N, C-alpha and C. Protein backbone atom coordinates (compact mmCIF):
# COMPACT_ATOMS: atom_id res chain seq x y z
N MET A 1 -76.96 -48.91 190.23
CA MET A 1 -77.12 -47.83 189.89
C MET A 1 -77.59 -48.01 188.40
N SER A 2 -78.73 -48.37 187.74
CA SER A 2 -79.03 -48.82 186.20
C SER A 2 -78.76 -47.60 185.33
N SER A 3 -78.03 -48.46 183.70
CA SER A 3 -78.52 -47.72 183.09
C SER A 3 -79.52 -46.54 182.58
N ILE A 4 -80.58 -47.08 182.47
CA ILE A 4 -82.21 -46.28 183.26
C ILE A 4 -81.83 -45.50 184.00
N ASP A 5 -81.46 -45.44 185.44
CA ASP A 5 -81.58 -44.31 185.92
C ASP A 5 -80.36 -43.03 185.66
N ALA A 6 -79.38 -43.66 185.12
CA ALA A 6 -78.39 -42.74 184.57
C ALA A 6 -79.34 -41.72 183.76
N LEU A 7 -79.60 -42.64 182.64
CA LEU A 7 -80.35 -41.86 181.24
C LEU A 7 -81.54 -41.32 182.03
N ALA A 8 -82.56 -41.69 182.55
CA ALA A 8 -83.32 -40.85 183.71
C ALA A 8 -83.22 -39.35 184.31
N ARG A 9 -81.84 -39.57 185.09
CA ARG A 9 -81.37 -39.06 185.89
C ARG A 9 -80.42 -37.13 184.48
N LEU A 10 -79.82 -37.82 183.88
CA LEU A 10 -79.37 -36.93 182.08
C LEU A 10 -81.15 -35.79 181.55
N ALA A 11 -82.07 -36.87 181.63
CA ALA A 11 -82.94 -36.94 181.12
C ALA A 11 -83.11 -35.26 181.77
N ALA A 12 -83.44 -35.78 183.51
CA ALA A 12 -84.27 -34.46 184.12
C ALA A 12 -83.60 -33.20 184.13
N VAL A 13 -81.69 -33.65 183.88
CA VAL A 13 -80.73 -32.88 184.18
C VAL A 13 -81.53 -31.77 182.56
N ILE A 14 -81.21 -32.29 181.99
CA ILE A 14 -82.14 -31.57 180.22
C ILE A 14 -83.24 -30.64 180.44
N GLU A 15 -84.36 -31.64 180.49
CA GLU A 15 -85.71 -31.21 181.03
C GLU A 15 -85.08 -29.68 182.00
N SER A 16 -84.81 -29.90 182.94
CA SER A 16 -84.63 -28.61 183.74
C SER A 16 -84.04 -27.62 182.80
N ARG A 17 -83.08 -27.82 182.14
CA ARG A 17 -82.25 -26.47 180.98
C ARG A 17 -83.08 -26.05 179.78
N LYS A 18 -83.86 -26.51 179.58
CA LYS A 18 -85.19 -25.42 179.30
C LYS A 18 -85.43 -24.62 179.59
N PRO A 19 -85.58 -23.83 178.36
CA PRO A 19 -85.29 -21.94 178.50
C PRO A 19 -87.43 -21.67 179.24
N VAL A 20 -88.41 -22.72 179.00
CA VAL A 20 -89.66 -22.66 180.21
C VAL A 20 -89.30 -23.23 181.14
N ASN A 21 -88.61 -23.87 182.09
CA ASN A 21 -88.21 -24.30 183.20
C ASN A 21 -86.92 -22.97 183.78
N GLY A 22 -86.71 -22.05 183.00
CA GLY A 22 -85.72 -21.53 183.74
C GLY A 22 -83.83 -21.69 182.89
N GLY A 23 -84.35 -22.42 182.10
CA GLY A 23 -82.76 -22.99 181.35
C GLY A 23 -82.40 -21.16 180.76
N ASP A 24 -80.87 -20.39 181.46
CA ASP A 24 -80.92 -19.36 180.97
C ASP A 24 -79.28 -20.36 179.59
N PRO A 25 -79.62 -19.18 178.07
CA PRO A 25 -79.00 -19.76 177.92
C PRO A 25 -77.81 -19.13 177.28
N GLU A 26 -76.99 -18.23 178.17
CA GLU A 26 -76.01 -17.57 178.13
C GLU A 26 -75.68 -18.50 179.48
N LYS A 27 -76.31 -19.26 180.12
CA LYS A 27 -75.01 -20.19 180.98
C LYS A 27 -74.68 -22.08 180.76
N SER A 28 -75.70 -21.96 179.85
CA SER A 28 -76.28 -23.60 179.45
C SER A 28 -76.66 -23.93 178.59
N TYR A 29 -75.47 -24.98 177.69
CA TYR A 29 -75.06 -25.39 176.69
C TYR A 29 -76.94 -25.57 176.28
N VAL A 30 -76.74 -26.60 176.69
CA VAL A 30 -78.19 -27.34 176.04
C VAL A 30 -79.71 -26.41 176.23
N ALA A 31 -79.73 -25.37 177.06
CA ALA A 31 -80.42 -24.15 177.02
C ALA A 31 -80.34 -23.84 175.61
N ARG A 32 -79.54 -23.38 175.13
CA ARG A 32 -78.64 -22.31 174.19
C ARG A 32 -79.60 -23.27 172.96
N LEU A 33 -78.90 -24.69 172.98
CA LEU A 33 -79.68 -25.38 171.76
C LEU A 33 -81.16 -25.68 171.70
N LEU A 34 -81.44 -25.44 173.06
CA LEU A 34 -83.22 -25.51 172.96
C LEU A 34 -83.71 -24.14 172.35
N HIS A 35 -82.85 -23.06 173.23
CA HIS A 35 -84.07 -21.44 172.68
C HIS A 35 -83.62 -21.76 171.23
N LYS A 36 -82.19 -21.91 170.45
CA LYS A 36 -82.39 -21.69 169.08
C LYS A 36 -83.49 -22.94 168.91
N GLY A 37 -83.39 -23.45 169.49
CA GLY A 37 -84.91 -24.04 167.78
C GLY A 37 -84.36 -25.75 167.65
N PRO A 38 -85.26 -25.85 167.03
CA PRO A 38 -84.47 -27.84 166.70
C PRO A 38 -83.39 -27.94 164.83
N ASP A 39 -83.60 -27.02 164.73
CA ASP A 39 -82.33 -26.51 163.30
C ASP A 39 -81.11 -26.77 164.44
N ALA A 40 -80.84 -25.86 165.27
CA ALA A 40 -79.28 -25.99 166.15
C ALA A 40 -79.71 -27.92 166.13
N PHE A 41 -80.08 -27.95 167.02
CA PHE A 41 -79.93 -29.14 168.00
C PHE A 41 -80.18 -30.48 166.77
N LEU A 42 -81.17 -30.74 165.75
CA LEU A 42 -80.67 -31.36 165.07
C LEU A 42 -79.60 -31.76 163.40
N LYS A 43 -78.72 -30.80 163.92
CA LYS A 43 -77.99 -29.95 162.81
C LYS A 43 -77.01 -31.32 163.74
N LYS A 44 -76.83 -30.47 164.58
CA LYS A 44 -75.78 -31.55 165.96
C LYS A 44 -76.05 -32.94 165.96
N ILE A 45 -76.91 -33.35 166.01
CA ILE A 45 -77.07 -34.62 165.78
C ILE A 45 -76.87 -35.37 164.93
N GLY A 46 -77.24 -34.03 163.39
CA GLY A 46 -76.87 -35.12 161.47
C GLY A 46 -75.11 -35.51 162.09
N GLU A 47 -74.53 -34.03 162.76
CA GLU A 47 -72.78 -34.12 162.73
C GLU A 47 -72.52 -34.96 163.68
N GLU A 48 -72.60 -35.55 165.15
CA GLU A 48 -72.43 -35.91 166.00
C GLU A 48 -73.39 -37.66 164.61
N ALA A 49 -74.24 -37.38 163.97
CA ALA A 49 -73.97 -39.52 163.54
C ALA A 49 -72.57 -39.24 162.59
N THR A 50 -72.45 -38.52 161.91
CA THR A 50 -70.81 -38.57 161.11
C THR A 50 -70.35 -38.86 161.72
N GLU A 51 -69.56 -37.93 162.78
CA GLU A 51 -69.04 -38.60 164.61
C GLU A 51 -67.98 -40.04 164.07
N THR A 52 -69.71 -40.53 164.14
CA THR A 52 -69.48 -41.98 164.95
C THR A 52 -69.09 -42.75 164.24
N VAL A 53 -69.90 -42.01 162.62
CA VAL A 53 -69.88 -43.74 161.41
C VAL A 53 -68.20 -43.64 161.34
N MET A 54 -67.50 -42.04 161.22
CA MET A 54 -65.81 -41.54 160.80
C MET A 54 -65.26 -42.87 162.14
N ALA A 55 -65.63 -42.87 163.43
CA ALA A 55 -65.26 -43.39 164.45
C ALA A 55 -64.79 -44.91 164.45
N ALA A 56 -66.20 -45.11 163.98
CA ALA A 56 -66.51 -46.78 163.75
C ALA A 56 -65.47 -47.14 162.90
N LYS A 57 -65.59 -46.14 161.71
CA LYS A 57 -64.26 -46.57 160.31
C LYS A 57 -63.15 -46.73 160.77
N ASP A 58 -62.71 -46.42 161.51
CA ASP A 58 -61.66 -45.21 162.02
C ASP A 58 -61.28 -47.20 163.30
N VAL A 59 -61.79 -47.53 163.88
CA VAL A 59 -61.97 -49.12 165.00
C VAL A 59 -61.16 -49.60 163.96
N ASP A 60 -62.37 -49.76 162.65
CA ASP A 60 -62.37 -51.17 161.49
C ASP A 60 -60.53 -50.87 161.58
N HIS A 61 -59.84 -50.30 161.58
CA HIS A 61 -58.06 -50.16 161.44
C HIS A 61 -57.83 -50.10 162.07
N GLY A 62 -58.33 -49.95 162.89
CA GLY A 62 -56.54 -50.08 164.05
C GLY A 62 -56.83 -48.54 165.10
N GLY A 63 -58.37 -48.16 165.31
CA GLY A 63 -58.35 -46.92 165.87
C GLY A 63 -58.96 -47.21 167.51
N ASP A 64 -58.85 -46.29 167.98
CA ASP A 64 -59.89 -46.30 169.13
C ASP A 64 -61.38 -46.63 169.87
N GLY A 65 -61.05 -48.15 170.06
CA GLY A 65 -62.71 -48.16 170.38
C GLY A 65 -62.94 -46.73 171.59
N GLN A 66 -62.55 -46.08 172.49
CA GLN A 66 -62.70 -45.26 173.24
C GLN A 66 -63.79 -43.94 172.56
N LYS A 67 -62.96 -44.13 170.88
CA LYS A 67 -63.35 -42.44 170.52
C LYS A 67 -64.49 -42.98 169.73
N LEU A 68 -65.09 -43.70 169.76
CA LEU A 68 -66.35 -44.58 169.59
C LEU A 68 -67.34 -44.77 170.08
N VAL A 69 -66.87 -44.66 171.64
CA VAL A 69 -68.09 -44.85 172.80
C VAL A 69 -67.73 -42.61 172.61
N ASN A 70 -67.20 -42.48 173.07
CA ASN A 70 -67.53 -41.04 172.99
C ASN A 70 -68.47 -40.52 172.35
N GLU A 71 -67.82 -41.25 170.59
CA GLU A 71 -69.05 -40.26 169.79
C GLU A 71 -70.76 -41.23 170.45
N VAL A 72 -70.67 -42.01 169.74
CA VAL A 72 -71.96 -42.59 170.67
C VAL A 72 -72.08 -41.98 171.88
N ALA A 73 -72.12 -41.15 172.53
CA ALA A 73 -72.43 -39.94 173.90
C ALA A 73 -72.92 -39.21 174.20
N ASP A 74 -72.19 -38.84 172.30
CA ASP A 74 -72.80 -37.01 171.79
C ASP A 74 -73.35 -37.22 171.95
N LEU A 75 -73.16 -38.21 171.18
CA LEU A 75 -74.91 -39.42 169.48
C LEU A 75 -76.45 -38.55 170.36
N TRP A 76 -76.03 -39.56 171.43
CA TRP A 76 -77.40 -39.51 172.70
C TRP A 76 -77.15 -38.59 173.11
N PHE A 77 -76.25 -38.30 173.16
CA PHE A 77 -77.03 -36.39 173.96
C PHE A 77 -77.95 -35.61 173.68
N HIS A 78 -77.12 -35.75 171.91
CA HIS A 78 -78.10 -35.04 171.35
C HIS A 78 -79.73 -35.32 171.33
N CYS A 79 -79.66 -36.14 171.02
CA CYS A 79 -80.85 -37.09 170.80
C CYS A 79 -82.27 -37.15 171.84
N MET A 80 -81.06 -37.02 173.53
CA MET A 80 -81.81 -37.45 174.15
C MET A 80 -82.19 -35.09 174.68
N ILE A 81 -81.73 -33.94 173.94
CA ILE A 81 -81.83 -32.77 173.99
C ILE A 81 -83.13 -32.69 172.81
N ALA A 82 -83.69 -33.49 171.92
CA ALA A 82 -84.51 -33.27 171.03
C ALA A 82 -85.66 -34.19 171.79
N LEU A 83 -85.77 -35.63 172.36
CA LEU A 83 -86.58 -36.10 172.79
C LEU A 83 -87.15 -35.58 173.72
N ALA A 84 -86.59 -33.70 174.67
CA ALA A 84 -86.95 -33.43 175.64
C ALA A 84 -87.67 -32.56 174.83
N HIS A 85 -87.35 -31.69 173.84
CA HIS A 85 -87.85 -31.22 172.93
C HIS A 85 -89.47 -31.36 172.21
N TYR A 86 -89.52 -32.63 172.12
CA TYR A 86 -90.68 -33.18 172.01
C TYR A 86 -91.82 -33.69 172.32
N GLY A 87 -91.44 -33.22 174.04
CA GLY A 87 -92.17 -34.00 175.21
C GLY A 87 -91.56 -35.23 175.21
N LYS A 88 -90.80 -36.29 174.48
CA LYS A 88 -90.47 -37.69 174.76
C LYS A 88 -89.06 -37.59 175.84
N THR A 89 -88.91 -39.12 176.06
CA THR A 89 -87.95 -38.98 177.36
C THR A 89 -86.96 -40.32 176.65
N PRO A 90 -86.23 -41.04 177.04
CA PRO A 90 -85.37 -41.98 176.87
C PRO A 90 -86.27 -43.52 177.87
N ALA A 91 -86.44 -43.17 178.07
CA ALA A 91 -88.15 -43.77 178.46
C ALA A 91 -88.56 -44.68 176.81
N ASP A 92 -89.53 -44.03 176.52
CA ASP A 92 -90.08 -43.87 175.39
C ASP A 92 -89.31 -44.36 174.60
N VAL A 93 -88.29 -44.74 174.14
CA VAL A 93 -87.11 -45.31 173.78
C VAL A 93 -86.80 -46.73 174.14
N VAL A 94 -86.72 -47.00 175.24
CA VAL A 94 -86.22 -47.69 175.70
C VAL A 94 -88.11 -49.75 175.70
N SER A 95 -88.58 -47.57 176.35
CA SER A 95 -89.95 -48.94 175.76
C SER A 95 -89.86 -49.46 174.39
N GLU A 96 -89.89 -49.34 173.16
CA GLU A 96 -90.01 -49.30 172.17
C GLU A 96 -89.24 -50.04 171.65
N LEU A 97 -87.67 -50.39 172.57
CA LEU A 97 -87.30 -51.32 172.05
C LEU A 97 -87.24 -52.35 172.53
N VAL A 98 -88.02 -52.58 174.04
CA VAL A 98 -88.72 -53.27 174.53
C VAL A 98 -89.84 -54.14 174.07
N ARG A 99 -90.68 -53.30 173.12
CA ARG A 99 -91.54 -53.83 172.63
C ARG A 99 -91.70 -54.74 171.17
N ARG A 100 -90.27 -54.24 170.98
CA ARG A 100 -89.03 -54.98 169.70
C ARG A 100 -88.73 -55.77 169.81
N GLU A 101 -88.44 -56.38 171.44
CA GLU A 101 -87.84 -57.68 171.47
C GLU A 101 -88.97 -58.67 170.98
N GLY A 102 -87.57 -60.39 170.48
CA GLY A 102 -87.96 -61.05 170.12
C GLY A 102 -87.97 -60.85 168.63
N LEU A 103 -88.83 -59.35 168.07
CA LEU A 103 -88.28 -59.21 166.92
C LEU A 103 -88.17 -59.85 166.06
N SER A 104 -88.19 -59.82 164.44
CA SER A 104 -87.04 -59.94 164.28
C SER A 104 -86.82 -58.53 163.44
N GLY A 105 -85.71 -58.38 162.98
CA GLY A 105 -85.53 -56.64 162.67
C GLY A 105 -86.12 -56.35 161.34
N LEU A 106 -86.46 -57.62 160.21
CA LEU A 106 -86.71 -57.68 159.06
C LEU A 106 -88.62 -58.19 159.60
N GLU A 107 -88.64 -59.27 160.05
CA GLU A 107 -90.34 -58.86 160.50
C GLU A 107 -90.60 -57.00 161.03
N GLU A 108 -90.44 -56.47 161.91
CA GLU A 108 -90.55 -55.76 162.18
C GLU A 108 -90.58 -54.53 160.85
N LYS A 109 -89.86 -53.84 160.58
CA LYS A 109 -89.14 -53.78 158.91
C LYS A 109 -90.59 -53.87 158.29
N ALA A 110 -91.09 -54.68 157.88
CA ALA A 110 -91.81 -55.55 157.47
C ALA A 110 -93.40 -55.23 157.03
N LEU A 111 -93.70 -55.17 159.25
CA LEU A 111 -94.83 -54.46 159.94
C LEU A 111 -94.54 -52.79 159.31
N ARG A 112 -93.78 -52.45 159.68
CA ARG A 112 -94.03 -50.49 159.27
C ARG A 112 -94.18 -50.86 158.13
N LYS A 113 -93.89 -51.31 157.08
CA LYS A 113 -93.97 -50.91 155.45
C LYS A 113 -95.31 -51.44 155.70
N ALA A 114 -96.19 -52.73 155.70
CA ALA A 114 -97.40 -52.85 156.40
C ALA A 114 -98.67 -51.60 156.39
N VAL A 115 -98.22 -51.39 157.48
CA VAL A 115 -99.05 -50.55 158.64
C VAL A 115 -98.69 -49.22 157.48
N VAL A 116 -97.37 -48.47 157.21
CA VAL A 116 -98.01 -47.21 155.81
C VAL A 116 -98.84 -47.67 154.81
N ARG A 117 -98.24 -48.64 154.26
CA ARG A 117 -99.67 -48.96 152.99
C ARG A 117 -100.56 -49.28 153.44
N GLU A 118 -101.17 -49.68 154.33
CA GLU A 118 -102.43 -49.66 154.91
C GLU A 118 -102.76 -48.51 154.79
N SER A 119 -101.82 -47.50 155.64
CA SER A 119 -102.53 -45.81 156.11
C SER A 119 -102.26 -45.21 154.24
N GLU A 120 -101.75 -45.51 153.60
CA GLU A 120 -102.35 -44.27 152.15
C GLU A 120 -103.45 -45.14 151.41
N SER A 121 -103.83 -46.59 152.00
CA SER A 121 -105.12 -47.23 150.94
C SER A 121 -105.98 -47.37 151.59
N SER A 122 -105.97 -46.71 153.08
CA SER A 122 -107.36 -45.83 153.63
C SER A 122 -107.77 -44.48 153.66
N ASN A 123 -106.06 -43.66 152.40
CA ASN A 123 -105.85 -42.46 152.67
C ASN A 123 -105.61 -41.53 150.91
N PRO A 124 -106.19 -42.36 149.88
CA PRO A 124 -105.75 -41.91 149.09
C PRO A 124 -105.99 -41.20 148.17
N GLY A 125 -104.36 -40.54 148.17
CA GLY A 125 -103.61 -39.08 147.39
C GLY A 125 -103.09 -38.37 148.70
N GLY A 126 -103.22 -38.68 149.57
CA GLY A 126 -102.16 -38.93 150.95
C GLY A 126 -102.82 -37.29 151.04
N ALA A 127 -104.28 -37.07 151.12
CA ALA A 127 -105.36 -36.28 151.47
C ALA A 127 -105.07 -35.96 153.75
N SER A 128 -105.20 -35.35 153.85
CA SER A 128 -104.92 -35.10 155.77
C SER A 128 -106.63 -35.00 156.40
């Protein structure tokens, strides 16, 4: 069993909890967040990201590394809810990471900036 399989199983559970798929906001945390809309799960992502940073800082000062793992798990989970809401999957994220494999982070960032500059120059004023 791979980590990708575990993420795919979790993504399937999240998908099944969508209110449009019969998820009950009274019985499911995921269904409740999705029912409330993007502001609810995006707020949770922000909270979990902050808690992840705090846990990492604690590890720097002798804190428990497992707390960092737990917070990252919470962050990933809430990000997976966002992915599901927007019709994306963990496989989409893995594919993007694979696409970037072997490309230096500095090169990848420069390429993204070049694409944005090219888009802006072909669309002066930003009008769509």
